[in-house]
Amino acid sequence: MAGEEEVQVVESCFVTPAVDTPSRAIRFSPFDLMLASRGYTPLVHFYRRPETSGDNFFNVSRLKTALGKALVPFYPLAGRLRAGGDGRLEIDCNGKGMLFLVAQSRLTMDDFTDFKPSSKQRRLFVPHVSDSDGLLWATQVRLIPI
C-alpha cells in the first residue's frame, strides 16, 4: 500500500449542533469511567462508488449538515471531556462540535482488497486526536478515486 505522503487533509473544521443545545455538565458513571479508560474506538468503512452515480455520489456539505442535525438530540457528543470539581471525568456540554476532516488520496479501492488493520493504516484513515483535546467524536472522510 502507498505511503502516508499520498494522503492530504484538504479541510478541517468543527461541526456544531444545528440549533442551540443545553449547556450543562454530565458526570460519568462508574461504567462510563471504565469505557473511557479504553480510549477511542476507531471505525473504518469503505464504500465503493456505484458506476452510475456520476460526480454526485458524495456531498461533503450535505454530510456536515446532516451531522449538525444529528448532534442536536445527541448534543453531549458535541461537548468536551473534562475533570469536574472533584477530579472525576464529566462531559462539558458546550456545543463546540465534533472534529470533521476531509482528506484526498491517490489510493484507489483496489489498494484495499486485502486490507489488514495495522498502525500504518490507522494513521491513514483514523483522525489523530489528542486526549488533551477532550473531543468525544471525530470523523475523517477520505475521498478515494475509483
N, C-alpha and C. Protein backbone atom coordinates (compact mmCIF):
# COMPACT_ATOMS: atom_id res chain seq x y z
N MET A 1 0.84 -1.18 0.00
CA MET A 1 0.00 0.00 0.00
C MET A 1 0.88 1.23 0.00
N ALA A 2 0.40 2.28 -0.57
CA ALA A 2 1.16 3.51 -0.69
C ALA A 2 1.38 4.16 0.67
N GLY A 3 2.28 5.11 0.72
CA GLY A 3 2.64 5.74 1.99
C GLY A 3 1.73 6.88 2.38
N GLU A 4 1.96 7.33 3.60
CA GLU A 4 1.16 8.40 4.17
C GLU A 4 1.26 9.69 3.36
N GLU A 5 2.39 9.90 2.70
CA GLU A 5 2.58 11.13 1.96
C GLU A 5 1.55 11.28 0.83
N GLU A 6 0.84 10.21 0.52
CA GLU A 6 -0.16 10.28 -0.53
C GLU A 6 -1.54 10.67 -0.01
N VAL A 7 -1.62 11.01 1.26
CA VAL A 7 -2.88 11.42 1.87
C VAL A 7 -2.75 12.87 2.29
N GLN A 8 -3.70 13.69 1.86
CA GLN A 8 -3.64 15.12 2.14
C GLN A 8 -4.96 15.59 2.72
N VAL A 9 -4.92 16.20 3.90
CA VAL A 9 -6.12 16.79 4.50
C VAL A 9 -6.41 18.09 3.76
N VAL A 10 -7.62 18.19 3.22
CA VAL A 10 -7.99 19.38 2.45
C VAL A 10 -8.97 20.28 3.22
N GLU A 11 -9.54 19.75 4.29
CA GLU A 11 -10.46 20.56 5.11
C GLU A 11 -10.46 20.01 6.52
N SER A 12 -10.45 20.91 7.48
CA SER A 12 -10.55 20.55 8.89
C SER A 12 -11.44 21.59 9.56
N CYS A 13 -12.51 21.13 10.20
CA CYS A 13 -13.42 22.07 10.84
C CYS A 13 -14.15 21.36 11.98
N PHE A 14 -14.94 22.11 12.71
CA PHE A 14 -15.80 21.54 13.73
C PHE A 14 -17.24 21.67 13.27
N VAL A 15 -17.97 20.57 13.32
CA VAL A 15 -19.40 20.57 13.01
C VAL A 15 -20.12 20.72 14.34
N THR A 16 -20.93 21.74 14.45
CA THR A 16 -21.65 22.02 15.69
C THR A 16 -23.12 21.65 15.53
N PRO A 17 -23.84 21.49 16.64
CA PRO A 17 -25.27 21.19 16.55
C PRO A 17 -26.00 22.27 15.73
N ALA A 18 -26.99 21.85 14.97
CA ALA A 18 -27.72 22.75 14.07
C ALA A 18 -28.47 23.84 14.83
N VAL A 19 -28.87 23.59 16.05
CA VAL A 19 -29.54 24.58 16.90
C VAL A 19 -28.87 24.56 18.27
N ASP A 20 -29.15 25.60 19.07
CA ASP A 20 -28.58 25.64 20.41
C ASP A 20 -29.04 24.43 21.22
N THR A 21 -28.13 23.91 22.02
CA THR A 21 -28.42 22.74 22.84
C THR A 21 -28.14 23.08 24.30
N PRO A 22 -28.66 22.27 25.23
CA PRO A 22 -28.44 22.57 26.66
C PRO A 22 -26.95 22.65 27.01
N SER A 23 -26.63 23.62 27.83
CA SER A 23 -25.26 23.78 28.32
C SER A 23 -25.24 23.29 29.76
N ARG A 24 -24.60 22.13 29.96
CA ARG A 24 -24.56 21.56 31.30
C ARG A 24 -23.42 20.54 31.37
N ALA A 25 -23.17 20.05 32.56
CA ALA A 25 -22.16 19.02 32.75
C ALA A 25 -22.86 17.69 33.03
N ILE A 26 -22.34 16.63 32.45
CA ILE A 26 -22.86 15.28 32.70
C ILE A 26 -21.73 14.47 33.32
N ARG A 27 -21.93 14.06 34.57
CA ARG A 27 -20.92 13.27 35.28
C ARG A 27 -20.88 11.85 34.73
N PHE A 28 -19.71 11.27 34.70
CA PHE A 28 -19.54 9.89 34.26
C PHE A 28 -19.96 8.93 35.36
N SER A 29 -20.67 7.89 34.96
CA SER A 29 -21.00 6.80 35.88
C SER A 29 -19.77 5.89 35.99
N PRO A 30 -19.75 4.97 36.95
CA PRO A 30 -18.62 4.02 37.01
C PRO A 30 -18.45 3.25 35.70
N PHE A 31 -19.54 2.89 35.04
CA PHE A 31 -19.46 2.19 33.76
C PHE A 31 -18.84 3.09 32.69
N ASP A 32 -19.25 4.35 32.65
CA ASP A 32 -18.68 5.31 31.70
C ASP A 32 -17.17 5.45 31.92
N LEU A 33 -16.77 5.51 33.18
CA LEU A 33 -15.34 5.63 33.50
C LEU A 33 -14.56 4.43 32.99
N MET A 34 -15.15 3.25 33.11
CA MET A 34 -14.48 2.04 32.63
C MET A 34 -14.30 2.10 31.10
N LEU A 35 -15.35 2.51 30.39
CA LEU A 35 -15.26 2.60 28.93
C LEU A 35 -14.31 3.71 28.49
N ALA A 36 -14.31 4.82 29.21
CA ALA A 36 -13.45 5.95 28.84
C ALA A 36 -11.98 5.59 28.98
N SER A 37 -11.67 4.68 29.88
CA SER A 37 -10.27 4.31 30.07
C SER A 37 -9.72 3.52 28.88
N ARG A 38 -10.60 3.03 28.03
CA ARG A 38 -10.17 2.28 26.84
C ARG A 38 -9.80 3.19 25.69
N GLY A 39 -10.13 4.45 25.76
CA GLY A 39 -9.81 5.39 24.69
C GLY A 39 -10.84 5.35 23.57
N TYR A 40 -10.44 5.85 22.42
CA TYR A 40 -11.35 5.94 21.28
C TYR A 40 -11.50 4.60 20.58
N THR A 41 -12.65 4.40 19.98
CA THR A 41 -12.90 3.21 19.18
C THR A 41 -12.86 3.62 17.71
N PRO A 42 -11.80 3.25 17.01
CA PRO A 42 -11.73 3.64 15.60
C PRO A 42 -12.58 2.71 14.73
N LEU A 43 -13.33 3.30 13.83
CA LEU A 43 -14.13 2.55 12.86
C LEU A 43 -13.75 3.04 11.47
N VAL A 44 -13.54 2.12 10.57
CA VAL A 44 -13.22 2.47 9.19
C VAL A 44 -14.22 1.77 8.28
N HIS A 45 -14.86 2.53 7.41
CA HIS A 45 -15.82 1.98 6.45
C HIS A 45 -15.38 2.37 5.05
N PHE A 46 -15.44 1.43 4.14
CA PHE A 46 -15.13 1.70 2.74
C PHE A 46 -16.41 1.54 1.93
N TYR A 47 -16.68 2.52 1.06
CA TYR A 47 -17.83 2.45 0.19
C TYR A 47 -17.35 2.67 -1.24
N ARG A 48 -17.66 1.73 -2.09
CA ARG A 48 -17.31 1.87 -3.50
C ARG A 48 -18.42 2.66 -4.18
N ARG A 49 -18.03 3.67 -4.92
CA ARG A 49 -19.00 4.49 -5.63
C ARG A 49 -19.62 3.67 -6.75
N PRO A 50 -20.96 3.66 -6.83
CA PRO A 50 -21.60 2.96 -7.94
C PRO A 50 -21.20 3.60 -9.27
N GLU A 51 -21.01 2.79 -10.28
CA GLU A 51 -20.58 3.30 -11.58
C GLU A 51 -21.58 4.27 -12.18
N THR A 52 -22.84 4.16 -11.81
CA THR A 52 -23.88 5.01 -12.38
C THR A 52 -24.08 6.30 -11.59
N SER A 53 -23.31 6.52 -10.53
CA SER A 53 -23.57 7.66 -9.64
C SER A 53 -23.03 8.99 -10.16
N GLY A 54 -22.08 8.98 -11.06
CA GLY A 54 -21.51 10.22 -11.56
C GLY A 54 -20.74 10.94 -10.46
N ASP A 55 -20.63 12.26 -10.59
CA ASP A 55 -19.86 13.05 -9.63
C ASP A 55 -20.64 13.39 -8.36
N ASN A 56 -21.92 13.07 -8.30
CA ASN A 56 -22.74 13.43 -7.15
C ASN A 56 -22.85 12.32 -6.11
N PHE A 57 -21.95 11.35 -6.16
CA PHE A 57 -22.02 10.23 -5.22
C PHE A 57 -21.91 10.69 -3.78
N PHE A 58 -21.03 11.62 -3.52
CA PHE A 58 -20.79 12.02 -2.14
C PHE A 58 -20.72 13.53 -2.05
N ASN A 59 -21.49 14.09 -1.14
CA ASN A 59 -21.55 15.53 -0.97
C ASN A 59 -21.11 15.85 0.46
N VAL A 60 -19.91 16.40 0.62
CA VAL A 60 -19.36 16.69 1.95
C VAL A 60 -20.25 17.68 2.69
N SER A 61 -20.72 18.70 2.01
CA SER A 61 -21.57 19.71 2.64
C SER A 61 -22.85 19.09 3.20
N ARG A 62 -23.45 18.19 2.44
CA ARG A 62 -24.66 17.51 2.89
C ARG A 62 -24.39 16.67 4.13
N LEU A 63 -23.24 15.99 4.16
CA LEU A 63 -22.89 15.19 5.33
C LEU A 63 -22.70 16.07 6.56
N LYS A 64 -22.03 17.20 6.42
CA LYS A 64 -21.83 18.10 7.56
C LYS A 64 -23.17 18.64 8.07
N THR A 65 -24.06 18.97 7.17
CA THR A 65 -25.39 19.45 7.57
C THR A 65 -26.14 18.36 8.34
N ALA A 66 -26.09 17.13 7.83
CA ALA A 66 -26.76 16.01 8.50
C ALA A 66 -26.15 15.74 9.87
N LEU A 67 -24.83 15.81 9.98
CA LEU A 67 -24.19 15.60 11.28
C LEU A 67 -24.59 16.68 12.27
N GLY A 68 -24.69 17.93 11.80
CA GLY A 68 -25.14 19.02 12.66
C GLY A 68 -26.54 18.78 13.20
N LYS A 69 -27.42 18.24 12.36
CA LYS A 69 -28.78 17.90 12.80
C LYS A 69 -28.76 16.73 13.78
N ALA A 70 -27.90 15.74 13.51
CA ALA A 70 -27.81 14.57 14.40
C ALA A 70 -27.25 14.96 15.77
N LEU A 71 -26.42 15.99 15.81
CA LEU A 71 -25.84 16.41 17.09
C LEU A 71 -26.84 17.10 18.00
N VAL A 72 -28.00 17.49 17.49
CA VAL A 72 -28.99 18.14 18.35
C VAL A 72 -29.50 17.17 19.42
N PRO A 73 -30.07 16.01 19.06
CA PRO A 73 -30.51 15.10 20.12
C PRO A 73 -29.34 14.40 20.83
N PHE A 74 -28.19 14.35 20.18
CA PHE A 74 -27.01 13.71 20.77
C PHE A 74 -25.98 14.77 21.14
N TYR A 75 -26.47 15.88 21.70
CA TYR A 75 -25.62 17.05 21.96
C TYR A 75 -24.41 16.80 22.85
N PRO A 76 -24.42 15.82 23.76
CA PRO A 76 -23.18 15.60 24.52
C PRO A 76 -21.97 15.27 23.64
N LEU A 77 -22.20 14.67 22.47
CA LEU A 77 -21.09 14.34 21.57
C LEU A 77 -20.43 15.59 20.99
N ALA A 78 -21.09 16.72 21.08
CA ALA A 78 -20.52 17.99 20.61
C ALA A 78 -19.78 18.71 21.73
N GLY A 79 -19.72 18.10 22.90
CA GLY A 79 -19.04 18.70 24.05
C GLY A 79 -17.60 18.24 24.18
N ARG A 80 -17.06 18.43 25.36
CA ARG A 80 -15.68 18.06 25.64
C ARG A 80 -15.58 17.34 26.98
N LEU A 81 -14.65 16.40 27.04
CA LEU A 81 -14.34 15.76 28.31
C LEU A 81 -13.54 16.72 29.17
N ARG A 82 -13.81 16.69 30.46
CA ARG A 82 -13.02 17.50 31.39
C ARG A 82 -13.10 16.85 32.77
N ALA A 83 -12.23 17.28 33.63
CA ALA A 83 -12.28 16.84 35.03
C ALA A 83 -13.19 17.80 35.78
N GLY A 84 -14.14 17.23 36.51
CA GLY A 84 -15.04 18.05 37.30
C GLY A 84 -14.34 18.59 38.54
N GLY A 85 -15.08 19.30 39.36
CA GLY A 85 -14.52 19.89 40.57
C GLY A 85 -13.87 18.87 41.50
N ASP A 86 -14.40 17.65 41.50
CA ASP A 86 -13.84 16.60 42.36
C ASP A 86 -12.82 15.74 41.61
N GLY A 87 -12.48 16.13 40.39
CA GLY A 87 -11.49 15.40 39.61
C GLY A 87 -12.06 14.27 38.77
N ARG A 88 -13.35 13.99 38.92
CA ARG A 88 -13.99 12.91 38.17
C ARG A 88 -14.34 13.39 36.76
N LEU A 89 -14.18 12.50 35.79
CA LEU A 89 -14.49 12.87 34.41
C LEU A 89 -15.96 13.21 34.22
N GLU A 90 -16.19 14.21 33.39
CA GLU A 90 -17.54 14.58 33.02
C GLU A 90 -17.51 15.15 31.61
N ILE A 91 -18.69 15.25 31.02
CA ILE A 91 -18.83 15.87 29.70
C ILE A 91 -19.31 17.29 29.90
N ASP A 92 -18.57 18.23 29.36
CA ASP A 92 -18.97 19.62 29.34
C ASP A 92 -19.78 19.82 28.07
N CYS A 93 -21.08 19.84 28.19
CA CYS A 93 -21.97 20.01 27.03
C CYS A 93 -21.93 21.49 26.62
N ASN A 94 -20.97 21.83 25.79
CA ASN A 94 -20.74 23.22 25.43
C ASN A 94 -21.01 23.52 23.95
N GLY A 95 -21.39 22.50 23.18
CA GLY A 95 -21.73 22.70 21.78
C GLY A 95 -20.57 23.09 20.88
N LYS A 96 -19.32 22.86 21.31
CA LYS A 96 -18.17 23.23 20.47
C LYS A 96 -18.06 22.40 19.21
N GLY A 97 -18.66 21.23 19.20
CA GLY A 97 -18.73 20.44 17.97
C GLY A 97 -17.76 19.29 17.88
N MET A 98 -17.97 18.50 16.84
CA MET A 98 -17.13 17.35 16.55
C MET A 98 -16.12 17.72 15.48
N LEU A 99 -14.96 17.10 15.55
CA LEU A 99 -13.93 17.34 14.55
C LEU A 99 -14.31 16.63 13.25
N PHE A 100 -14.22 17.34 12.14
CA PHE A 100 -14.56 16.80 10.84
C PHE A 100 -13.42 17.10 9.88
N LEU A 101 -12.84 16.06 9.32
CA LEU A 101 -11.73 16.21 8.39
C LEU A 101 -12.12 15.63 7.03
N VAL A 102 -11.66 16.28 5.98
CA VAL A 102 -11.81 15.75 4.63
C VAL A 102 -10.40 15.61 4.07
N ALA A 103 -10.11 14.43 3.55
CA ALA A 103 -8.78 14.17 3.00
C ALA A 103 -8.91 13.55 1.62
N GLN A 104 -7.88 13.72 0.83
CA GLN A 104 -7.83 13.12 -0.50
C GLN A 104 -6.63 12.21 -0.58
N SER A 105 -6.70 11.27 -1.50
CA SER A 105 -5.64 10.30 -1.65
C SER A 105 -5.56 9.82 -3.08
N ARG A 106 -4.38 9.40 -3.48
CA ARG A 106 -4.22 8.78 -4.80
C ARG A 106 -4.49 7.29 -4.73
N LEU A 107 -4.69 6.77 -3.53
CA LEU A 107 -5.00 5.36 -3.39
C LEU A 107 -6.35 5.08 -4.04
N THR A 108 -6.54 3.89 -4.54
CA THR A 108 -7.83 3.50 -5.12
C THR A 108 -8.43 2.39 -4.27
N MET A 109 -9.68 2.08 -4.52
CA MET A 109 -10.33 1.00 -3.77
C MET A 109 -9.60 -0.33 -3.97
N ASP A 110 -8.99 -0.52 -5.12
CA ASP A 110 -8.25 -1.76 -5.37
C ASP A 110 -7.06 -1.93 -4.43
N ASP A 111 -6.57 -0.83 -3.86
CA ASP A 111 -5.47 -0.92 -2.89
C ASP A 111 -5.91 -1.54 -1.57
N PHE A 112 -7.22 -1.70 -1.38
CA PHE A 112 -7.74 -2.20 -0.11
C PHE A 112 -8.43 -3.55 -0.22
N THR A 113 -8.20 -4.26 -1.30
CA THR A 113 -8.87 -5.56 -1.45
C THR A 113 -8.38 -6.57 -0.43
N ASP A 114 -7.17 -6.42 0.06
CA ASP A 114 -6.62 -7.33 1.07
C ASP A 114 -6.27 -6.52 2.31
N PHE A 115 -7.22 -5.73 2.78
CA PHE A 115 -7.00 -4.81 3.89
C PHE A 115 -6.75 -5.57 5.19
N LYS A 116 -5.65 -5.26 5.84
CA LYS A 116 -5.33 -5.82 7.15
C LYS A 116 -5.01 -4.65 8.07
N PRO A 117 -5.77 -4.50 9.16
CA PRO A 117 -5.53 -3.37 10.06
C PRO A 117 -4.09 -3.37 10.58
N SER A 118 -3.50 -2.19 10.61
CA SER A 118 -2.15 -2.02 11.14
C SER A 118 -2.02 -0.58 11.62
N SER A 119 -0.92 -0.29 12.29
CA SER A 119 -0.72 1.08 12.76
C SER A 119 -0.57 2.04 11.57
N LYS A 120 0.00 1.56 10.47
CA LYS A 120 0.13 2.41 9.28
C LYS A 120 -1.24 2.77 8.72
N GLN A 121 -2.14 1.79 8.57
CA GLN A 121 -3.48 2.08 8.08
C GLN A 121 -4.23 2.98 9.06
N ARG A 122 -4.01 2.77 10.34
CA ARG A 122 -4.68 3.61 11.33
C ARG A 122 -4.29 5.07 11.12
N ARG A 123 -3.02 5.32 10.88
CA ARG A 123 -2.58 6.70 10.63
C ARG A 123 -3.19 7.26 9.35
N LEU A 124 -3.45 6.39 8.37
CA LEU A 124 -4.02 6.85 7.11
C LEU A 124 -5.50 7.19 7.22
N PHE A 125 -6.24 6.44 8.04
CA PHE A 125 -7.69 6.53 7.99
C PHE A 125 -8.36 7.05 9.26
N VAL A 126 -7.69 7.02 10.38
CA VAL A 126 -8.31 7.43 11.64
C VAL A 126 -7.71 8.76 12.06
N PRO A 127 -8.55 9.78 12.28
CA PRO A 127 -8.00 11.08 12.66
C PRO A 127 -7.27 10.98 14.00
N HIS A 128 -6.11 11.63 14.08
CA HIS A 128 -5.36 11.64 15.33
C HIS A 128 -5.97 12.69 16.24
N VAL A 129 -6.37 12.25 17.41
CA VAL A 129 -6.98 13.15 18.39
C VAL A 129 -6.21 12.99 19.69
N SER A 130 -5.73 14.09 20.21
CA SER A 130 -5.01 14.06 21.48
C SER A 130 -6.01 13.98 22.63
N ASP A 131 -5.69 13.19 23.64
CA ASP A 131 -6.57 13.10 24.81
C ASP A 131 -6.77 14.47 25.46
N SER A 132 -5.78 15.33 25.34
CA SER A 132 -5.87 16.65 25.96
C SER A 132 -6.90 17.54 25.27
N ASP A 133 -7.30 17.19 24.05
CA ASP A 133 -8.32 17.97 23.34
C ASP A 133 -9.71 17.77 23.93
N GLY A 134 -9.94 16.65 24.58
CA GLY A 134 -11.23 16.37 25.19
C GLY A 134 -12.33 16.08 24.19
N LEU A 135 -11.99 15.85 22.93
CA LEU A 135 -13.01 15.59 21.92
C LEU A 135 -13.71 14.26 22.18
N LEU A 136 -14.99 14.22 21.88
CA LEU A 136 -15.76 12.99 22.04
C LEU A 136 -16.02 12.31 20.71
N TRP A 137 -15.93 13.05 19.60
CA TRP A 137 -16.23 12.46 18.30
C TRP A 137 -15.39 13.16 17.24
N ALA A 138 -14.76 12.38 16.41
CA ALA A 138 -14.01 12.90 15.27
C ALA A 138 -14.28 12.00 14.08
N THR A 139 -14.48 12.60 12.94
CA THR A 139 -14.74 11.86 11.71
C THR A 139 -13.79 12.36 10.63
N GLN A 140 -13.25 11.41 9.89
CA GLN A 140 -12.41 11.76 8.75
C GLN A 140 -12.98 11.09 7.51
N VAL A 141 -13.29 11.88 6.52
CA VAL A 141 -13.78 11.38 5.24
C VAL A 141 -12.62 11.43 4.27
N ARG A 142 -12.31 10.30 3.69
CA ARG A 142 -11.22 10.24 2.72
C ARG A 142 -11.82 9.95 1.35
N LEU A 143 -11.57 10.84 0.43
CA LEU A 143 -12.08 10.67 -0.93
C LEU A 143 -11.06 9.86 -1.71
N ILE A 144 -11.49 8.71 -2.20
CA ILE A 144 -10.60 7.79 -2.91
C ILE A 144 -11.10 7.64 -4.34
N PRO A 145 -10.23 7.84 -5.32
CA PRO A 145 -10.65 7.65 -6.71
C PRO A 145 -11.06 6.20 -6.96
N ILE A 146 -11.85 6.01 -7.99
CA ILE A 146 -12.26 4.64 -8.35
C ILE A 146 -11.06 3.89 -8.86
